[in-house]
Amino acid sequence: MTLNKALFLGLVSAWALAGCQAITPSTDHQATLEAMPEALVSVRAQGNEPFWRIHIEADQTLELSRLGEPDAFFDWFTGTFELSDWRSSRREDLALELSAHICHDTMTGMPYPLSAQLSYQDQVLQGCAGDPADLLIGPEWHFMTLNSQEVVTQITLNFTEEGRLFGSGGCNRYMAGYHLTGENLILSAPASTMMACESSVMRQEQAYFERLTQVTGFDIDHHNRLILLDGHQVLLIGEPTP
């Protein structure tokens, strides 16, 4: 299990965030455990206005970067745990709180799996944390409509941790690659098998493949649906397969 997936299970709190737009996820993305894992692998969190970034390394070194300030480093203490709050073993005035609520970066709109709050030197700063890929990986997404019409055969999409995607276009199996930048989700042109199906199914499949190549971003809505976007235009809406 990756760190961010473990955080999904272990980090739950109820405070409202002003620095990001919070969406309450379904129970697939939110749960409670009695304790957090003792050994954290890596944590990344960041926010804007003013810019700040935190990276907790595997050796538990915390790096804090802020605009116009020298980077600061702390030894990070993992033995004390209160809900979703960790504190530095050496600096009582630094605390990072993570919450399993989807957060949108206020500059780019990119969704992140966790919301973050940094308290440091009498400042309380809001932001996002985790890896956006964790919102994509795991479920098999299926699409019920295409071009505002119901699909005639099932269309599916799966994302892998290795940057690949695969599924069914309704007739043929396909595969492609994906890449997440700080601002966009980019999908490569899919390669598929060469089976022939009814003309309506083939037209649907070709339209779906064309939509995939137009994707520039994504979101997860309140119903835990995957929204594939071209800018602000909705291209596809996928639901997780039960």
Foldseek 3Di string as FASTA:
>chain_A
DALQQLCQADAADDDDDDQWDWFAAPVVRHHHDPDGDQQHAKKWKWAVPPTKIWIQHSQQWIWIDTPPDDIDIARWHRPDDDRQWGDTPVDNQWIKGKHQTWTAHPPQRAIARIKMWIGHDNDIGTTGIDDSVVLQADFWWWFQDAPNHGAPAIWIWHADPVQKMWTDLRFWTWIWGWDDDPHWIAIDQIDTDDDDDDPSSVVSSVSVSVLNRQFTHWDQHNQRWIFTDNVPHTGTIIDGDD
